[in-house]
N, C-alpha and C. Protein backbone atom coordinates (compact mmCIF):
# COMPACT_ATOMS: atom_id res chain seq x y z
N MET A 1 0.86 -1.35 -0.12
CA MET A 1 -0.42 -0.11 -0.42
C MET A 1 0.74 1.79 0.31
N VAL A 2 0.36 2.79 -0.59
CA VAL A 2 1.24 3.47 -0.86
C VAL A 2 0.10 4.57 -0.23
N ARG A 3 1.19 5.85 1.11
CA ARG A 3 0.37 6.25 1.39
C ARG A 3 -0.05 8.09 0.62
N ILE A 4 -0.92 7.84 0.41
CA ILE A 4 -1.70 9.11 -0.92
C ILE A 4 -1.60 10.28 -0.41
N GLY A 5 -2.37 10.16 1.20
CA GLY A 5 -2.67 11.45 1.72
C GLY A 5 -3.19 11.50 2.73
N LYS A 6 -4.46 12.67 3.15
CA LYS A 6 -4.59 12.81 4.62
C LYS A 6 -6.13 13.70 4.42
N ILE A 7 -6.77 12.56 5.45
CA ILE A 7 -7.81 13.71 5.32
C ILE A 7 -8.02 14.74 6.04
N VAL A 8 -8.61 15.64 6.29
CA VAL A 8 -8.37 17.26 6.41
C VAL A 8 -9.32 17.75 6.81
N ALA A 9 -10.50 17.73 6.10
CA ALA A 9 -11.53 18.20 6.80
C ALA A 9 -13.65 17.70 6.91
N THR A 10 -14.20 18.09 7.30
CA THR A 10 -15.27 17.41 6.78
C THR A 10 -15.81 18.25 5.67
N HIS A 11 -17.08 18.05 4.71
CA HIS A 11 -17.58 18.42 3.98
C HIS A 11 -19.15 18.55 4.02
N GLY A 12 -19.69 19.72 4.25
CA GLY A 12 -21.19 19.87 4.25
C GLY A 12 -21.85 18.86 5.38
N LEU A 13 -23.18 18.21 5.33
CA LEU A 13 -23.58 17.52 5.76
C LEU A 13 -24.06 16.13 6.35
N GLN A 14 -23.64 15.75 5.09
CA GLN A 14 -23.62 14.56 4.94
C GLN A 14 -22.67 13.24 4.68
N GLY A 15 -21.51 13.61 5.78
CA GLY A 15 -20.83 12.81 6.02
C GLY A 15 -19.52 12.98 5.14
N ALA A 16 -19.60 14.25 4.09
CA ALA A 16 -18.00 14.03 3.23
C ALA A 16 -16.76 14.53 3.88
N LEU A 17 -15.99 14.08 3.04
CA LEU A 17 -14.78 14.26 3.15
C LEU A 17 -13.80 15.39 2.54
N ILE A 18 -12.55 16.12 3.26
CA ILE A 18 -11.77 16.09 2.04
C ILE A 18 -10.29 15.94 2.33
N LEU A 19 -10.31 15.14 1.06
CA LEU A 19 -8.65 14.77 1.09
C LEU A 19 -7.30 15.81 0.53
N THR A 20 -6.38 15.80 0.89
CA THR A 20 -6.00 15.99 0.87
C THR A 20 -4.26 15.05 -0.08
N HIS A 21 -4.18 15.41 -1.46
CA HIS A 21 -3.12 13.68 -2.07
C HIS A 21 -2.35 14.42 -2.71
N ILE A 22 -1.19 14.09 -3.20
CA ILE A 22 -0.13 13.91 -4.08
C ILE A 22 0.10 12.98 -4.87
N ALA A 23 -1.52 12.90 -5.78
CA ALA A 23 -1.36 11.77 -6.77
C ALA A 23 -1.58 12.59 -8.01
N GLY A 24 -1.48 14.05 -8.27
CA GLY A 24 -1.21 14.11 -9.66
C GLY A 24 -2.95 14.65 -10.20
N LYS A 25 -2.70 15.51 -10.55
CA LYS A 25 -4.20 15.58 -11.12
C LYS A 25 -4.77 14.53 -11.98
N GLY A 26 -6.28 14.26 -12.57
CA GLY A 26 -7.19 13.57 -12.89
C GLY A 26 -8.22 13.17 -11.99
N GLU A 27 -8.95 12.45 -12.21
CA GLU A 27 -10.00 12.00 -11.53
C GLU A 27 -9.45 9.70 -11.48
N TRP A 28 -8.23 9.50 -10.58
CA TRP A 28 -7.45 8.68 -10.53
C TRP A 28 -8.70 7.63 -9.70
N LEU A 29 -9.64 8.30 -8.63
CA LEU A 29 -9.89 7.98 -7.15
C LEU A 29 -11.10 7.22 -8.15
N LYS A 30 -12.09 6.58 -8.43
CA LYS A 30 -13.18 5.84 -9.05
C LYS A 30 -14.52 5.06 -7.25
N LYS A 31 -15.48 5.57 -8.04
CA LYS A 31 -16.87 4.85 -7.04
C LYS A 31 -16.37 3.21 -6.76
N ASP A 32 -16.23 3.14 -6.14
CA ASP A 32 -15.82 1.50 -5.72
C ASP A 32 -14.53 0.94 -4.76
N ASP A 33 -13.59 2.05 -5.34
CA ASP A 33 -12.33 1.86 -5.22
C ASP A 33 -12.26 1.58 -3.50
N VAL A 34 -11.30 1.49 -2.91
CA VAL A 34 -11.14 1.39 -1.76
C VAL A 34 -9.97 2.04 -0.79
N LEU A 35 -10.18 2.61 0.09
CA LEU A 35 -9.10 3.94 0.42
C LEU A 35 -8.71 3.20 1.79
N PHE A 36 -7.79 3.04 2.08
CA PHE A 36 -7.81 2.27 3.63
C PHE A 36 -7.06 3.44 4.58
N VAL A 37 -7.22 3.97 5.47
CA VAL A 37 -7.70 4.95 6.18
C VAL A 37 -6.55 4.04 8.01
N GLU A 38 -5.84 4.91 8.31
CA GLU A 38 -4.94 4.70 9.58
C GLU A 38 -5.85 4.75 10.93
N LEU A 39 -6.51 4.79 11.17
CA LEU A 39 -6.54 5.16 12.25
C LEU A 39 -6.53 4.86 13.77
N ARG A 40 -5.31 3.68 13.54
CA ARG A 40 -4.50 3.44 14.89
C ARG A 40 -2.90 3.32 14.04
N LYS A 41 -1.96 3.43 14.89
CA LYS A 41 -1.01 3.36 13.95
C LYS A 41 -0.85 1.85 13.26
N GLU A 42 -0.44 2.05 12.48
CA GLU A 42 -0.22 0.64 11.53
C GLU A 42 -1.64 -0.44 11.16
N SER A 43 -2.65 0.65 11.85
CA SER A 43 -4.18 -0.19 11.66
C SER A 43 -4.80 0.41 10.19
N TYR A 44 -4.99 -0.56 9.39
CA TYR A 44 -5.78 0.26 8.12
C TYR A 44 -7.19 0.19 8.11
N ILE A 45 -8.06 0.97 7.93
CA ILE A 45 -9.25 0.06 7.78
C ILE A 45 -9.82 0.34 6.69
N PRO A 46 -10.24 -0.11 5.31
CA PRO A 46 -10.76 -0.05 4.40
C PRO A 46 -12.42 0.27 4.38
N PHE A 47 -12.02 1.21 3.46
CA PHE A 47 -13.82 1.99 3.37
C PHE A 47 -14.09 2.10 1.75
N PHE A 48 -14.98 1.71 1.45
CA PHE A 48 -15.65 2.16 0.31
C PHE A 48 -15.51 3.80 -0.51
N VAL A 49 -15.57 3.65 -1.70
CA VAL A 49 -15.45 5.15 -1.72
C VAL A 49 -17.11 5.37 -3.07
N THR A 50 -17.98 6.09 -2.54
CA THR A 50 -19.81 5.64 -2.78
C THR A 50 -19.53 7.02 -3.72
N GLN A 51 -18.74 7.80 -3.36
CA GLN A 51 -18.68 9.20 -4.40
C GLN A 51 -17.30 10.11 -4.26
N SER A 52 -16.66 10.55 -5.63
CA SER A 52 -15.71 11.09 -5.41
C SER A 52 -15.78 12.71 -6.82
N LYS A 53 -15.38 13.54 -5.35
CA LYS A 53 -15.67 14.88 -7.43
C LYS A 53 -14.14 15.64 -6.33
N ILE A 54 -13.41 16.20 -7.50
CA ILE A 54 -12.05 16.91 -7.89
C ILE A 54 -12.38 18.22 -7.13
N ALA A 55 -11.92 18.81 -6.15
CA ALA A 55 -11.82 19.59 -5.20
C ALA A 55 -11.38 20.74 -6.38
N ASN A 56 -9.66 20.42 -6.48
CA ASN A 56 -8.95 21.27 -6.82
C ASN A 56 -7.30 20.04 -7.46
N ASP A 57 -6.58 20.74 -7.56
CA ASP A 57 -5.36 19.45 -8.26
C ASP A 57 -4.58 19.07 -6.58
N GLU A 58 -5.19 19.48 -5.74
CA GLU A 58 -4.61 18.41 -4.15
C GLU A 58 -5.28 18.24 -3.68
N GLU A 59 -6.29 18.45 -4.03
CA GLU A 59 -7.95 18.07 -2.82
C GLU A 59 -9.16 17.21 -3.81
N LEU A 60 -9.66 16.29 -3.25
CA LEU A 60 -11.04 15.46 -3.67
C LEU A 60 -11.86 15.80 -2.26
N ILE A 61 -13.19 16.10 -2.78
CA ILE A 61 -13.82 15.51 -2.05
C ILE A 61 -14.98 14.24 -1.93
N VAL A 62 -15.05 13.30 -0.65
CA VAL A 62 -15.03 12.28 -0.92
C VAL A 62 -15.81 11.79 0.00
N HIS A 63 -17.34 10.50 -0.31
CA HIS A 63 -17.82 10.20 0.36
C HIS A 63 -17.54 9.15 0.55
N LEU A 64 -17.92 8.25 2.06
CA LEU A 64 -17.77 6.91 2.51
C LEU A 64 -18.42 5.92 2.23
N GLU A 65 -18.57 4.67 2.21
CA GLU A 65 -19.57 3.88 2.52
C GLU A 65 -19.53 3.93 4.51
N ASP A 66 -20.36 4.14 5.06
CA ASP A 66 -20.54 4.11 6.24
C ASP A 66 -20.34 5.32 7.18
N THR A 67 -20.33 6.59 6.40
CA THR A 67 -19.51 7.54 7.33
C THR A 67 -20.83 9.14 6.64
N GLU A 68 -21.67 8.60 6.84
CA GLU A 68 -23.22 9.85 6.27
C GLU A 68 -23.47 10.15 7.38
N THR A 69 -23.16 10.77 8.06
CA THR A 69 -23.00 11.93 9.07
C THR A 69 -22.30 12.57 9.38
N VAL A 70 -21.59 13.50 9.61
CA VAL A 70 -20.97 14.75 10.16
C VAL A 70 -20.00 13.99 11.21
N GLU A 71 -20.96 13.60 12.00
CA GLU A 71 -20.71 12.84 13.28
C GLU A 71 -19.57 11.49 13.08
N ALA A 72 -19.46 11.10 11.73
CA ALA A 72 -19.54 9.71 11.79
C ALA A 72 -17.49 10.21 10.71
N ALA A 73 -18.06 11.17 9.92
CA ALA A 73 -16.94 11.82 9.68
C ALA A 73 -15.88 12.73 9.94
N LYS A 74 -15.87 13.42 11.50
CA LYS A 74 -15.46 14.17 12.13
C LYS A 74 -14.41 13.13 12.66
N LYS A 75 -14.37 11.45 13.28
CA LYS A 75 -14.03 10.58 13.38
C LYS A 75 -12.39 10.45 12.26
N LEU A 76 -12.37 10.40 11.43
CA LEU A 76 -11.70 10.32 10.53
C LEU A 76 -10.45 11.41 10.23
N VAL A 77 -11.16 12.68 10.70
CA VAL A 77 -10.34 13.75 9.94
C VAL A 77 -9.00 14.04 10.81
N GLY A 78 -7.91 13.48 9.99
CA GLY A 78 -6.05 13.62 10.61
C GLY A 78 -5.86 12.61 10.02
N LYS A 79 -6.87 11.78 9.48
CA LYS A 79 -6.13 10.71 9.38
C LYS A 79 -5.65 10.32 8.58
N GLN A 80 -4.63 9.59 8.12
CA GLN A 80 -3.38 8.99 6.89
C GLN A 80 -4.23 8.23 5.91
N VAL A 81 -4.61 8.20 4.54
CA VAL A 81 -5.22 7.44 3.61
C VAL A 81 -3.97 6.65 3.06
N TYR A 82 -4.51 5.86 2.88
CA TYR A 82 -3.65 4.55 1.81
C TYR A 82 -4.59 4.03 0.64
N ILE A 83 -3.90 3.56 0.04
CA ILE A 83 -4.08 3.42 -1.29
C ILE A 83 -3.58 1.51 -2.17
N LYS A 84 -4.17 0.53 -2.71
CA LYS A 84 -3.22 0.00 -3.22
C LYS A 84 -2.52 0.22 -4.32
N ASP A 85 -1.14 -0.29 -4.53
CA ASP A 85 -0.36 0.44 -5.69
C ASP A 85 -0.96 0.56 -6.70
N ASP A 86 -2.03 -0.68 -7.43
CA ASP A 86 -2.22 -0.69 -8.39
C ASP A 86 -2.67 0.47 -9.15
N ILE A 87 -3.70 1.01 -8.24
CA ILE A 87 -4.41 2.15 -8.37
C ILE A 87 -3.21 2.94 -8.65
N LEU A 88 -2.22 3.47 -8.21
CA LEU A 88 -1.29 4.41 -8.72
C LEU A 88 -0.87 4.46 -9.99
N THR A 89 -0.57 3.05 -10.13
CA THR A 89 0.36 2.48 -11.42
C THR A 89 -0.84 3.13 -12.56
N ASN A 90 -1.76 2.88 -12.72
CA ASN A 90 -2.39 3.47 -13.82
C ASN A 90 -2.53 4.70 -13.79
N ILE A 91 -2.05 6.09 -13.04
CA ILE A 91 -1.98 7.11 -13.61
C ILE A 91 -0.59 7.97 -13.63
N GLN A 92 0.15 7.48 -12.63
CA GLN A 92 1.16 8.23 -12.51
C GLN A 92 2.55 7.25 -12.47
N SER A 93 3.48 6.53 -13.78
CA SER A 93 4.71 6.18 -13.26
C SER A 93 5.71 6.33 -12.97
N ASP A 94 5.65 7.65 -12.93
CA ASP A 94 6.97 8.62 -12.09
C ASP A 94 7.25 8.85 -10.83
N SER A 95 5.59 8.76 -10.40
CA SER A 95 5.89 9.13 -8.72
C SER A 95 6.36 8.34 -7.74
N PRO A 96 6.80 9.47 -7.11
CA PRO A 96 7.96 8.66 -5.91
C PRO A 96 7.08 7.87 -5.44
N LEU A 97 5.84 8.14 -5.13
CA LEU A 97 4.94 7.17 -4.05
C LEU A 97 5.12 5.62 -4.41
N LEU A 98 5.22 5.65 -6.14
CA LEU A 98 5.43 4.07 -5.84
C LEU A 98 6.97 3.37 -6.01
N TRP A 99 7.94 4.42 -5.36
CA TRP A 99 9.06 3.64 -5.17
C TRP A 99 9.42 2.96 -4.17
N ILE A 100 8.42 3.13 -2.96
CA ILE A 100 8.20 2.81 -1.90
C ILE A 100 8.30 1.11 -1.87
N GLY A 101 9.96 0.64 -1.43
CA GLY A 101 10.05 -1.05 -1.68
C GLY A 101 10.84 -0.93 -2.24
N PHE A 102 11.91 -0.23 -2.74
CA PHE A 102 12.44 -0.34 -4.35
C PHE A 102 13.72 -0.27 -3.28
N ASN A 103 14.93 -0.97 -3.82
CA ASN A 103 16.01 -0.78 -3.66
C ASN A 103 16.89 0.46 -3.85
N LEU A 104 17.51 1.09 -2.86
CA LEU A 104 18.20 2.23 -3.54
C LEU A 104 19.54 1.67 -3.61
N VAL A 105 20.51 2.09 -4.84
CA VAL A 105 21.75 1.76 -5.12
C VAL A 105 22.36 2.67 -5.43
N ASP A 106 23.39 3.13 -4.58
CA ASP A 106 24.52 4.24 -4.70
C ASP A 106 25.75 3.51 -5.97
N LYS A 107 26.14 4.52 -6.93
CA LYS A 107 27.46 4.37 -7.86
C LYS A 107 28.59 3.75 -7.20
N GLU A 108 28.39 4.87 -6.23
CA GLU A 108 29.81 4.56 -5.27
C GLU A 108 29.76 3.10 -4.19
N LYS A 109 28.87 3.38 -3.41
CA LYS A 109 28.79 2.20 -2.61
C LYS A 109 27.72 1.38 -2.38
N GLY A 110 27.04 1.01 -3.65
CA GLY A 110 26.50 -0.13 -3.64
C GLY A 110 25.54 0.05 -3.42
N GLY A 111 24.36 -1.05 -2.85
CA GLY A 111 23.29 -1.38 -2.24
C GLY A 111 23.13 -0.57 -0.82
N LEU A 112 22.34 0.12 -0.67
CA LEU A 112 21.91 0.72 0.70
C LEU A 112 20.50 0.41 1.27
N GLY A 113 20.06 -0.60 0.85
CA GLY A 113 18.45 -0.70 1.58
C GLY A 113 17.46 -0.58 0.74
N ALA A 114 16.31 -1.23 1.29
CA ALA A 114 14.93 -0.40 0.45
C ALA A 114 14.59 0.58 1.07
N ILE A 115 13.92 0.78 0.34
CA ILE A 115 13.43 2.57 0.38
C ILE A 115 11.69 2.38 1.03
N GLU A 116 11.62 2.75 2.39
CA GLU A 116 10.43 2.27 3.42
C GLU A 116 9.28 3.68 3.52
N ASP A 117 9.70 4.64 2.57
CA ASP A 117 8.80 5.38 2.56
C ASP A 117 9.30 6.70 1.81
N VAL A 118 8.16 7.21 1.50
CA VAL A 118 8.62 8.60 0.12
C VAL A 118 8.10 9.56 1.18
N MET A 119 8.40 11.16 1.09
CA MET A 119 7.60 12.19 2.19
C MET A 119 7.78 13.03 1.24
N GLN A 120 6.98 14.42 0.80
CA GLN A 120 7.27 15.80 0.15
C GLN A 120 7.21 16.59 0.94
N VAL A 121 7.90 17.14 1.24
CA VAL A 121 8.53 17.96 1.91
C VAL A 121 8.78 19.24 1.47
N GLY A 122 7.50 20.21 0.73
CA GLY A 122 7.49 21.58 0.03
C GLY A 122 7.76 21.09 -1.39
N ALA A 123 8.70 20.99 -2.25
CA ALA A 123 8.93 20.28 -4.06
C ALA A 123 9.75 19.72 -3.79
N GLN A 124 10.20 19.08 -2.70
CA GLN A 124 11.37 18.02 -2.09
C GLN A 124 10.70 16.47 -2.25
N TRP A 125 11.19 15.49 -2.73
CA TRP A 125 11.05 14.26 -2.42
C TRP A 125 11.85 13.94 -1.38
N LEU A 126 11.59 13.07 -0.44
CA LEU A 126 12.42 12.33 0.03
C LEU A 126 12.57 10.73 0.00
N ALA A 127 13.49 9.86 0.55
CA ALA A 127 13.18 8.73 0.63
C ALA A 127 13.36 8.54 2.02
N LYS A 128 12.76 7.74 2.69
CA LYS A 128 13.32 7.25 4.20
C LYS A 128 14.33 5.58 3.77
N LEU A 129 15.21 5.97 4.43
CA LEU A 129 15.68 4.52 4.68
C LEU A 129 16.50 4.29 5.87
N THR A 130 16.77 2.73 6.18
CA THR A 130 17.26 2.05 7.51
C THR A 130 18.74 1.56 7.12
N ILE A 131 19.34 2.54 7.94
CA ILE A 131 21.11 2.17 7.13
C ILE A 131 21.51 2.03 9.23
N ASP A 132 22.12 0.37 9.01
CA ASP A 132 23.04 0.48 10.47
C ASP A 132 22.02 1.07 11.61
N ASP A 133 21.47 0.63 11.19
CA ASP A 133 19.95 1.34 12.66
C ASP A 133 19.66 2.80 13.01
N ASN A 134 20.35 3.76 11.65
CA ASN A 134 19.88 4.56 11.55
C ASN A 134 19.03 5.26 10.13
N GLU A 135 18.19 6.77 10.83
CA GLU A 135 17.09 6.33 9.65
C GLU A 135 16.96 7.82 8.73
N VAL A 136 17.49 7.67 7.59
CA VAL A 136 18.58 8.09 6.71
C VAL A 136 17.43 8.60 5.74
N LEU A 137 17.52 9.67 5.30
CA LEU A 137 16.85 10.71 4.54
C LEU A 137 17.49 10.78 3.27
N ILE A 138 17.32 10.31 2.13
CA ILE A 138 18.05 10.54 0.69
C ILE A 138 17.13 11.85 -0.34
N PRO A 139 17.02 12.66 -0.80
CA PRO A 139 16.37 13.86 -1.67
C PRO A 139 16.34 13.02 -2.93
N LEU A 140 15.54 13.13 -3.72
CA LEU A 140 15.16 12.61 -4.53
C LEU A 140 14.57 13.49 -5.84
N VAL A 141 16.37 13.74 -5.96
CA VAL A 141 16.79 14.85 -7.10
C VAL A 141 16.82 14.31 -8.35
N LYS A 142 16.21 14.59 -9.65
CA LYS A 142 16.75 14.40 -10.41
C LYS A 142 18.00 14.21 -10.92
N GLU A 143 18.79 15.34 -10.67
CA GLU A 143 20.21 15.37 -11.09
C GLU A 143 20.73 13.88 -10.72
N MET A 144 20.15 13.32 -9.58
CA MET A 144 21.44 12.50 -8.95
C MET A 144 20.55 11.00 -8.98
N ILE A 145 18.83 10.83 -9.53
CA ILE A 145 18.59 9.97 -9.95
C ILE A 145 19.55 9.03 -11.30
N LEU A 146 20.29 8.29 -11.93
CA LEU A 146 20.62 7.42 -12.91
C LEU A 146 19.76 6.17 -13.57
N GLN A 147 19.01 5.64 -12.73
CA GLN A 147 17.63 4.74 -13.47
C GLN A 147 16.78 4.25 -12.30
N VAL A 148 15.84 4.49 -12.78
CA VAL A 148 14.57 4.15 -11.97
C VAL A 148 14.00 2.18 -12.86
N ASN A 149 14.39 1.73 -12.15
CA ASN A 149 14.02 0.47 -12.91
C ASN A 149 13.10 -0.55 -12.68
N MET A 150 11.85 -0.49 -13.04
CA MET A 150 10.13 -0.48 -12.26
C MET A 150 10.13 -2.06 -12.38
N ARG A 151 10.31 -2.87 -13.45
CA ARG A 151 10.51 -4.15 -13.53
C ARG A 151 11.87 -4.91 -12.37
N ASN A 152 12.39 -4.56 -11.44
CA ASN A 152 13.43 -5.04 -10.91
C ASN A 152 13.06 -4.40 -9.43
N LYS A 153 12.62 -2.91 -9.59
CA LYS A 153 12.71 -2.45 -8.22
C LYS A 153 13.13 -1.78 -7.45
N PHE A 154 14.18 -1.09 -8.34
CA PHE A 154 15.00 0.06 -7.94
C PHE A 154 16.06 0.86 -8.52
N ILE A 155 16.28 1.31 -7.63
CA ILE A 155 16.81 2.89 -7.94
C ILE A 155 18.16 3.25 -8.14
N ARG A 156 18.88 3.39 -8.75
CA ARG A 156 20.31 3.51 -8.99
C ARG A 156 20.01 5.40 -9.20
N MET A 157 21.27 5.43 -7.87
CA MET A 157 21.82 7.26 -7.95
C MET A 157 23.47 7.41 -7.76
N ASP A 158 23.39 8.51 -8.15
CA ASP A 158 24.79 9.35 -7.95
C ASP A 158 24.73 10.11 -6.80
N LEU A 159 24.90 9.82 -5.41
CA LEU A 159 24.55 10.57 -3.94
C LEU A 159 25.95 10.84 -3.77
N PRO A 160 25.97 12.32 -3.86
CA PRO A 160 26.82 13.48 -3.21
C PRO A 160 27.72 12.67 -1.84
N GLU A 161 29.38 12.70 -2.43
CA GLU A 161 30.18 12.29 -1.33
C GLU A 161 29.88 12.66 0.17
N GLY A 162 29.88 11.86 0.63
CA GLY A 162 29.65 12.26 2.43
C GLY A 162 28.37 12.13 2.56
N LEU A 163 27.15 12.09 2.37
CA LEU A 163 25.70 11.79 2.23
C LEU A 163 25.35 10.98 3.27
N ILE A 164 25.90 10.05 3.15
CA ILE A 164 25.37 9.08 4.29
C ILE A 164 25.74 8.95 5.25
N ASP A 165 27.22 9.33 5.24
CA ASP A 165 28.01 9.38 6.39
C ASP A 165 27.96 10.67 7.08
N VAL A 166 27.38 11.23 7.08
CA VAL A 166 26.67 12.27 7.84
C VAL A 166 25.61 11.96 8.93
N TYR A 167 25.53 10.81 8.15
CA TYR A 167 23.86 10.21 8.95
C TYR A 167 24.50 8.97 10.07
N LEU A 168 25.79 8.35 9.80
CA LEU A 168 26.22 7.13 10.46
C LEU A 168 27.64 7.55 11.10
N ASN A 169 28.16 8.40 11.07
CA ASN A 169 28.79 8.94 12.33
C ASN A 169 28.30 10.31 13.46
N LYS A 170 27.08 10.19 13.71
CA LYS A 170 26.43 10.63 15.21
C LYS A 170 27.29 10.23 15.60
């Protein structure tokens, strides 16, 4: 599963929700798709979409099954939302969200490990890995990415000298 966004508010009186997302433009979320809401840490509860409408490029107004009142909707506000990988595969093959689980390989150091998560900070994407029990954030800058291999699930990068050492020499 891929974290796609967050429920930020309720909308109207019928239990609709505003979902901020990072999946790009277009109507990627359809009726009967499943959104997984993280109600508690690592507890992903499926909710079926009954209706979805684009508010803008980064927000959708979503109606979920069994969330038909404002009170029910308020319980979901602030929660992270995940979707299955195959929904994103159809919309944006270059999205860093699809790279979770890919192995990151540096041109000089070789294999660094699997990407555990990706996050967007402003306009910058970061990959999170654990190396020698240290959390490491790698900027996913186009100029440093040499290859993204979707079939074999790895990313080959030319990382600046010393970037990894900053994390490991604490």
